[in-house]
């Protein structure tokens, strides 16, 4: 059996997609279509990199490409395969020619390529919705409303043609069922279970870390404000993937002004090194306001990375993350997203609290890990492929 995995993301840094790929390669031949240079570490995997966009006016070309893409998937047109010569045509042709039995499509904007290829090649289609694509922005700007309209159109017209669905949390699964009638299986973004070697805990030097992509909409300034309210035993550390150098520079300037000497910036490490690196810290922090549904029901990679690394997890009142923190008693949930509330929670922690919660994270990682989650995905694959054989 041959499985195709399609994702218009940088494969080398997309932890969720990498886990899908390597799990599938244990049982099937895998054809991957994605962005960026990447060398698979398994002979069962063939990788095809979609053509890169020109670095000049990169954002402008993305907009044009997306508009041409939408025009070519309007009702009555998408099925005629009149693709403009771009990355989407490359992805479709690669999938169609690969003689696949199952196509695993990541995120809504890959649906037209993946669904068209699945129909034309008689493959079954699995749609990994990731987050809730109809609520990605907090401000009702014209651009945001247009993207939401396009997402709804694609999901409504093409999403229903998928044979099965997965997503990242129970809350988001319910949103898809209520709004579109999909019934996704939840596959958590948990990393592999690894043996870690925690540093000796120093109650006079408690290290808090946040890792992820540096984007203005994530409001990392809030964490800097929190750091300015923490007592002397705490320091805050950022390990950020660069989405905007100017934004990282502005964070560094704000940190120097607001909390001089308390905030440090680290270079990012490869996805397979993250857990080991995080284990050098004591607390993992991730504050997402509830202004959009995706934040309210988020269960991101970094949340599970902190647990795998044996860190205390510090969050705001985000519904899905809070459920897990409270279930396993592995961290603190602030009463609000105000920096004062978050800092008060952190300042109240005793050394024994931090040791106990860190150990609780390690214990929870026995249940929240990729070995368990990928078994669920393997069952989804198996059921789809058995159904295809029977038909």
Protein backbone atom coordinates (compact mmCIF):
# COMPACT_ATOMS: atom_id res chain seq x y z
CA UNK A 1 0.00 0.00 0.00
CA UNK A 2 1.19 3.55 -0.80
CA UNK A 3 0.26 6.68 1.15
CA UNK A 4 0.68 10.27 0.01
CA UNK A 5 1.07 13.06 2.57
CA UNK A 6 0.43 16.58 1.31
CA UNK A 7 1.29 19.69 3.33
CA UNK A 8 1.99 23.21 2.09
CA UNK A 9 4.32 23.78 5.04
CA UNK A 10 8.05 23.64 5.67
CA UNK A 11 8.32 19.90 6.27
CA UNK A 12 11.63 20.00 8.16
CA UNK A 13 10.08 22.09 10.96
CA UNK A 14 6.46 20.86 10.92
CA UNK A 15 6.41 18.49 13.89
CA UNK A 16 2.89 17.18 13.35
CA UNK A 17 3.49 16.34 9.70
CA UNK A 18 6.90 14.79 10.44
CA UNK A 19 5.27 12.45 12.95
CA UNK A 20 2.66 11.47 10.35
CA UNK A 21 5.36 10.74 7.78
CA UNK A 22 7.61 8.58 9.94
CA UNK A 23 4.70 6.71 11.47
CA UNK A 24 3.26 5.90 8.03
CA UNK A 25 6.67 4.82 6.75
CA UNK A 26 6.75 1.98 9.30
CA UNK A 27 3.95 0.23 7.43
CA UNK A 28 3.65 1.77 3.96
CA UNK A 29 5.57 3.37 1.13
CA UNK A 30 5.15 7.12 1.61
CA UNK A 31 5.20 9.93 -0.94
CA UNK A 32 5.50 13.39 0.64
CA UNK A 33 4.76 16.72 -1.04
CA UNK A 34 5.75 19.81 0.91
CA UNK A 35 7.75 23.01 1.09
CA UNK A 36 11.44 23.53 1.75
CA UNK A 37 14.53 21.35 1.53
CA UNK A 38 14.29 18.12 3.51
CA UNK A 39 16.10 14.79 3.49
CA UNK A 40 13.96 11.87 4.74
CA UNK A 41 15.75 9.47 7.06
CA UNK A 42 13.92 6.43 5.75
CA UNK A 43 14.15 4.63 2.41
CA UNK A 44 10.36 4.08 2.39
CA UNK A 45 9.86 7.84 1.97
CA UNK A 46 10.05 9.78 -1.30
CA UNK A 47 9.99 13.55 -0.98
CA UNK A 48 8.90 16.05 -3.62
CA UNK A 49 9.46 19.73 -2.85
CA UNK A 50 6.95 22.07 -4.43
CA UNK A 51 8.54 24.87 -6.48
CA UNK A 52 9.66 27.78 -4.35
CA UNK A 53 8.21 31.24 -4.81
CA UNK A 54 10.46 34.09 -5.83
CA UNK A 55 12.01 35.74 -2.77
CA UNK A 56 11.33 39.09 -4.40
CA UNK A 57 7.84 40.33 -3.51
CA UNK A 58 7.26 36.97 -1.81
CA UNK A 59 4.04 38.03 -0.08
CA UNK A 60 2.63 39.59 -3.25
CA UNK A 61 3.21 36.38 -5.20
CA UNK A 62 1.57 34.33 -2.45
CA UNK A 63 -1.56 36.49 -2.70
CA UNK A 64 -1.66 36.19 -6.50
CA UNK A 65 -1.07 32.45 -6.30
CA UNK A 66 -3.85 32.00 -3.76
CA UNK A 67 -6.29 34.05 -5.84
CA UNK A 68 -5.50 32.04 -8.96
CA UNK A 69 -5.92 28.90 -6.91
CA UNK A 70 -9.37 29.98 -5.66
CA UNK A 71 -10.51 30.95 -9.17
CA UNK A 72 -9.56 27.48 -10.37
CA UNK A 73 -11.55 25.65 -7.71
CA UNK A 74 -14.86 27.46 -8.11
CA UNK A 75 -17.87 25.12 -8.54
CA UNK A 76 -17.98 23.55 -11.95
CA UNK A 77 -14.35 24.44 -12.60
CA UNK A 78 -12.26 22.67 -9.96
CA UNK A 79 -13.17 19.21 -11.23
CA UNK A 80 -12.12 20.08 -14.79
CA UNK A 81 -8.46 20.25 -13.65
CA UNK A 82 -7.79 23.62 -15.30
CA UNK A 83 -4.93 24.30 -12.91
CA UNK A 84 -2.74 27.34 -13.42
CA UNK A 85 0.92 26.32 -13.77
CA UNK A 86 2.05 26.76 -10.17
CA UNK A 87 2.76 24.79 -7.03
CA UNK A 88 -0.80 23.50 -6.83
CA UNK A 89 -0.58 21.91 -10.26
CA UNK A 90 2.77 20.36 -9.29
CA UNK A 91 1.23 18.90 -6.12
CA UNK A 92 -1.79 17.52 -7.98
CA UNK A 93 0.28 15.90 -10.73
CA UNK A 94 2.76 14.39 -8.28
CA UNK A 95 -0.03 12.84 -6.22
CA UNK A 96 -1.94 11.62 -9.28
CA UNK A 97 1.12 9.98 -10.86
CA UNK A 98 2.31 8.28 -7.63
CA UNK A 99 -0.25 5.42 -7.78
CA UNK A 100 -1.42 6.04 -4.22
CA UNK A 101 -4.00 4.16 -2.17
CA UNK A 102 -4.55 6.90 0.42
CA UNK A 103 -3.90 10.65 0.34
CA UNK A 104 -3.48 12.41 3.69
CA UNK A 105 -4.29 16.12 3.16
CA UNK A 106 -3.06 18.66 5.70
CA UNK A 107 -5.15 21.83 6.16
CA UNK A 108 -7.98 23.24 4.11
CA UNK A 109 -5.93 25.07 1.43
CA UNK A 110 -4.49 21.73 0.27
CA UNK A 111 -7.95 20.18 -0.18
CA UNK A 112 -8.49 21.00 -3.89
CA UNK A 113 -5.19 19.38 -4.91
CA UNK A 114 -5.60 16.40 -2.61
CA UNK A 115 -9.27 15.71 -3.28
CA UNK A 116 -8.86 16.08 -7.05
CA UNK A 117 -5.91 13.67 -7.04
CA UNK A 118 -7.77 11.19 -4.83
CA UNK A 119 -10.84 11.17 -7.08
CA UNK A 120 -8.82 10.88 -10.28
CA UNK A 121 -6.59 8.09 -8.98
CA UNK A 122 -9.27 6.21 -7.01
CA UNK A 123 -7.49 6.76 -3.69
CA UNK A 124 -9.20 7.35 -0.36
CA UNK A 125 -8.74 10.79 1.21
CA UNK A 126 -8.01 11.70 4.83
CA UNK A 127 -8.36 15.37 5.76
CA UNK A 128 -6.28 16.61 8.71
CA UNK A 129 -7.98 19.90 9.54
CA UNK A 130 -5.42 20.83 12.22
CA UNK A 131 -7.15 23.88 13.75
CA UNK A 132 -10.59 25.38 13.09
CA UNK A 133 -10.08 27.09 9.74
CA UNK A 134 -13.17 29.29 9.98
CA UNK A 135 -11.84 31.25 12.96
CA UNK A 136 -8.17 32.09 12.46
CA UNK A 137 -8.23 35.84 13.11
CA UNK A 138 -9.53 38.09 15.87
CA UNK A 139 -10.18 41.27 13.85
CA UNK A 140 -12.95 41.38 11.21
CA UNK A 141 -10.79 43.08 8.53
CA UNK A 142 -11.76 42.70 4.88
CA UNK A 143 -8.76 40.42 4.24
CA UNK A 144 -9.70 38.22 7.22
CA UNK A 145 -13.33 38.00 6.15
CA UNK A 146 -12.33 37.05 2.60
CA UNK A 147 -10.00 34.30 3.85
CA UNK A 148 -12.77 33.02 6.12
CA UNK A 149 -15.19 32.98 3.17
CA UNK A 150 -12.72 31.07 0.99
CA UNK A 151 -12.01 28.62 3.81
CA UNK A 152 -15.72 28.01 4.30
CA UNK A 153 -16.27 27.56 0.57
CA UNK A 154 -13.43 25.05 0.21
CA UNK A 155 -14.41 23.13 3.35
CA UNK A 156 -18.10 23.05 2.43
CA UNK A 157 -17.61 22.06 -1.21
CA UNK A 158 -14.55 19.81 -0.98
CA UNK A 159 -14.15 18.84 2.68
CA UNK A 160 -17.22 16.63 2.52
CA UNK A 161 -15.56 14.63 -0.27
CA UNK A 162 -12.91 13.35 2.16
CA UNK A 163 -13.44 9.83 3.48
CA UNK A 164 -12.30 10.56 7.03
CA UNK A 165 -11.18 13.45 9.23
CA UNK A 166 -8.75 14.18 12.05
CA UNK A 167 -7.99 17.27 14.14
CA UNK A 168 -6.01 18.37 17.21
CA UNK A 169 -8.48 18.66 20.10
CA UNK A 170 -11.96 17.67 21.27
CA UNK A 171 -13.14 21.29 21.26
CA UNK A 172 -12.13 21.80 17.64
CA UNK A 173 -13.63 18.43 16.66
CA UNK A 174 -16.97 19.61 18.09
CA UNK A 175 -16.74 22.87 16.12
CA UNK A 176 -16.25 20.96 12.86
CA UNK A 177 -19.18 18.66 13.66
CA UNK A 178 -21.48 21.58 14.56
CA UNK A 179 -20.53 23.82 11.62
CA UNK A 180 -19.74 21.40 8.79
CA UNK A 181 -20.99 17.98 9.82
CA UNK A 182 -17.49 16.43 9.93
CA UNK A 183 -16.79 13.93 12.68
CA UNK A 184 -13.00 14.04 13.20
CA UNK A 185 -10.87 11.67 15.24
CA UNK A 186 -8.66 13.61 17.66
CA UNK A 187 -4.92 13.07 17.18
CA UNK A 188 -3.00 15.10 19.77
CA UNK A 189 0.18 16.99 18.86
CA UNK A 190 2.20 15.03 21.39
CA UNK A 191 5.89 14.24 20.68
CA UNK A 192 7.66 10.92 21.02
CA UNK A 193 8.34 9.65 24.53
CA UNK A 194 12.05 10.20 25.20
CA UNK A 195 14.38 9.68 28.13
CA UNK A 196 15.54 13.03 29.43
CA UNK A 197 18.15 14.06 31.96
CA UNK A 198 16.84 16.96 34.01
CA UNK A 199 19.32 19.47 35.37
CA UNK A 200 19.53 19.87 39.12
CA UNK A 201 16.81 22.22 40.32
CA UNK A 202 18.09 25.53 41.66
CA UNK A 203 15.36 27.36 43.64
CA UNK A 204 17.29 30.64 43.32
CA UNK A 205 17.45 30.42 39.52
CA UNK A 206 14.10 29.28 38.10
CA UNK A 207 14.16 29.31 34.29
CA UNK A 208 10.92 29.86 32.34
CA UNK A 209 10.88 29.18 28.60
CA UNK A 210 8.57 29.88 25.67
CA UNK A 211 9.33 28.41 22.25
CA UNK A 212 7.59 28.82 18.92
CA UNK A 213 7.26 31.12 15.92
CA UNK A 214 7.75 34.86 16.48
CA UNK A 215 4.57 36.46 15.14
CA UNK A 216 3.01 39.74 16.32
CA UNK A 217 -0.45 38.20 16.62
CA UNK A 218 0.89 35.87 19.35
CA UNK A 219 1.44 38.90 21.60
CA UNK A 220 4.75 37.78 23.11
CA UNK A 221 5.01 41.23 24.68
CA UNK A 222 2.58 39.91 27.29
CA UNK A 223 5.20 37.42 28.48
CA UNK A 224 7.73 40.22 28.81
CA UNK A 225 5.25 42.15 30.95
CA UNK A 226 4.80 39.02 33.09
CA UNK A 227 8.58 38.72 33.51
CA UNK A 228 8.78 42.31 34.74
CA UNK A 229 6.41 41.38 37.60
CA UNK A 230 8.20 38.21 38.71
CA UNK A 231 10.45 38.04 41.74
CA UNK A 232 14.23 37.83 41.52
CA UNK A 233 14.49 34.03 41.35
CA UNK A 234 12.88 33.94 37.88
CA UNK A 235 14.26 34.51 34.39
CA UNK A 236 12.37 34.27 31.09
CA UNK A 237 13.86 32.62 28.00
CA UNK A 238 12.64 32.76 24.40
CA UNK A 239 13.54 30.22 21.71
CA UNK A 240 11.87 31.63 18.63
CA UNK A 241 11.69 30.62 14.99
CA UNK A 242 12.08 33.75 12.91
CA UNK A 243 8.98 34.76 11.00
CA UNK A 244 9.94 38.43 11.17
CA UNK A 245 13.39 39.70 12.19
CA UNK A 246 11.96 43.14 12.86
CA UNK A 247 9.48 41.65 15.32
CA UNK A 248 12.19 39.76 17.21
CA UNK A 249 14.27 42.94 17.31
CA UNK A 250 11.31 44.82 18.75
CA UNK A 251 10.83 42.11 21.40
CA UNK A 252 14.48 42.37 22.41
CA UNK A 253 14.20 46.15 22.71
CA UNK A 254 11.01 45.89 24.76
CA UNK A 255 12.60 43.25 27.00
CA UNK A 256 15.64 45.44 27.64
CA UNK A 257 13.37 48.32 28.57
CA UNK A 258 10.77 46.45 30.62
CA UNK A 259 12.80 43.77 32.41
CA UNK A 260 16.54 44.40 31.92
CA UNK A 261 18.71 41.37 32.63
CA UNK A 262 15.74 39.01 33.19
CA UNK A 263 14.98 37.98 29.61
CA UNK A 264 17.18 35.96 27.28
CA UNK A 265 16.86 34.91 23.63
CA UNK A 266 18.13 31.53 22.37
CA UNK A 267 18.71 30.20 18.87
CA UNK A 268 16.16 27.57 17.77
CA UNK A 269 17.11 23.90 17.66
CA UNK A 270 15.99 21.12 15.30
CA UNK A 271 12.59 19.52 16.05
CA UNK A 272 14.21 16.27 17.25
CA UNK A 273 16.38 18.21 19.73
CA UNK A 274 13.65 20.35 21.29
CA UNK A 275 12.63 18.08 24.18
CA UNK A 276 16.21 17.56 25.33
CA UNK A 277 16.88 21.30 25.12
CA UNK A 278 13.71 22.19 27.03
CA UNK A 279 14.70 19.86 29.86
CA UNK A 280 17.31 22.45 30.87
CA UNK A 281 14.49 24.71 32.04
CA UNK A 282 11.95 24.49 34.86
CA UNK A 283 8.70 26.03 33.59
CA UNK A 284 7.18 26.15 30.10
CA UNK A 285 4.81 29.06 29.50
CA UNK A 286 2.22 29.55 26.77
CA UNK A 287 -0.43 32.24 27.07
CA UNK A 288 -3.15 32.36 24.38
CA UNK A 289 -6.11 34.66 24.90
CA UNK A 290 -9.61 33.31 24.20
CA UNK A 291 -10.46 35.99 21.62
CA UNK A 292 -10.74 33.38 18.89
CA UNK A 293 -12.01 29.82 19.08
CA UNK A 294 -8.71 28.33 17.91
CA UNK A 295 -7.00 29.80 20.97
CA UNK A 296 -9.76 28.72 23.32
CA UNK A 297 -9.53 25.09 22.18
CA UNK A 298 -5.82 24.99 21.25
CA UNK A 299 -3.58 22.05 22.11
CA UNK A 300 -0.35 23.11 20.37
CA UNK A 301 2.92 21.24 19.93
CA UNK A 302 4.76 23.34 22.51
CA UNK A 303 2.26 22.46 25.24
CA UNK A 304 3.07 18.76 24.87
CA UNK A 305 6.77 19.51 24.40
CA UNK A 306 6.82 21.10 27.86
CA UNK A 307 5.15 18.02 29.33
CA UNK A 308 7.56 15.64 27.60
CA UNK A 309 10.50 17.67 28.95
CA UNK A 310 9.21 17.43 32.53
CA UNK A 311 8.44 21.13 32.92
CA UNK A 312 5.81 22.84 35.03
CA UNK A 313 3.26 24.17 32.51
CA UNK A 314 2.04 27.76 32.98
CA UNK A 315 -1.02 28.77 30.93
CA UNK A 316 -4.00 31.11 30.96
CA UNK A 317 -7.60 29.89 31.17
CA UNK A 318 -7.51 28.14 27.77
CA UNK A 319 -10.15 25.41 27.85
CA UNK A 320 -8.41 22.37 26.36
CA UNK A 321 -4.97 23.02 27.86
CA UNK A 322 -6.50 23.72 31.26
CA UNK A 323 -8.30 20.34 31.22
CA UNK A 324 -5.01 18.50 30.89
CA UNK A 325 -3.09 20.67 33.36
CA UNK A 326 -5.75 20.10 36.01
CA UNK A 327 -6.25 16.40 35.22
CA UNK A 328 -2.58 15.60 35.78
CA UNK A 329 -1.81 18.46 38.23
CA UNK A 330 1.24 19.39 36.17
CA UNK A 331 1.10 23.17 36.24
CA UNK A 332 -0.81 26.37 36.90
CA UNK A 333 -3.81 27.95 35.20
CA UNK A 334 -4.16 31.67 35.80
CA UNK A 335 -7.59 33.12 36.50
CA UNK A 336 -7.27 35.55 33.57
CA UNK A 337 -4.91 36.54 30.79
CA UNK A 338 -3.79 39.68 32.62
CA UNK A 339 -0.01 39.75 33.26
CA UNK A 340 -0.67 40.48 36.93
CA UNK A 341 -2.74 37.29 37.32
CA UNK A 342 -0.13 35.16 35.57
CA UNK A 343 2.74 36.64 37.57
CA UNK A 344 0.85 36.17 40.84
CA UNK A 345 0.44 32.47 40.09
CA UNK A 346 4.12 32.05 39.29
CA UNK A 347 5.30 34.03 42.30
CA UNK A 348 3.17 31.83 44.56
CA UNK A 349 5.01 28.63 43.53
CA UNK A 350 7.26 27.04 46.14
CA UNK A 351 10.31 24.89 45.28
CA UNK A 352 8.36 21.79 46.33
CA UNK A 353 5.48 22.81 44.02
CA UNK A 354 7.84 23.09 41.07
CA UNK A 355 9.48 19.73 41.78
CA UNK A 356 6.12 17.96 42.20
CA UNK A 357 4.54 19.47 39.08
CA UNK A 358 7.63 18.75 36.98
CA UNK A 359 7.47 15.12 38.05
CA UNK A 360 3.73 15.09 37.27
CA UNK A 361 4.56 16.25 33.73
CA UNK A 362 7.00 13.38 33.29
CA UNK A 363 4.36 10.95 34.59
CA UNK A 364 1.74 12.41 32.23
CA UNK A 365 4.10 11.99 29.26
CA UNK A 366 3.59 8.23 29.64
CA UNK A 367 0.02 8.81 28.44
CA UNK A 368 0.46 11.91 26.26
CA UNK A 369 2.96 10.89 23.60
CA UNK A 370 3.26 10.19 19.88
CA UNK A 371 3.47 6.43 20.34
CA UNK A 372 -0.12 6.43 21.58
CA UNK A 373 -1.39 9.13 19.22
CA UNK A 374 0.19 7.59 16.13
CA UNK A 375 -1.44 4.26 17.00
CA UNK A 376 -4.77 6.09 16.66
CA UNK A 377 -3.69 7.44 13.28
CA UNK A 378 -2.61 3.97 12.17
CA UNK A 379 -6.10 2.68 12.97
CA UNK A 380 -7.60 5.48 10.84
CA UNK A 381 -5.30 4.51 7.94
CA UNK A 382 -6.10 0.82 8.36
CA UNK A 383 -9.87 1.36 8.42
CA UNK A 384 -9.73 3.57 5.31
CA UNK A 385 -7.56 1.15 3.35
CA UNK A 386 -9.61 -1.89 4.37
CA UNK A 387 -12.74 -0.06 3.29
CA UNK A 388 -11.11 0.72 -0.05
CA UNK A 389 -10.19 -2.93 -0.59
CA UNK A 390 -13.71 -4.07 0.28
CA UNK A 391 -15.22 -1.61 -2.18
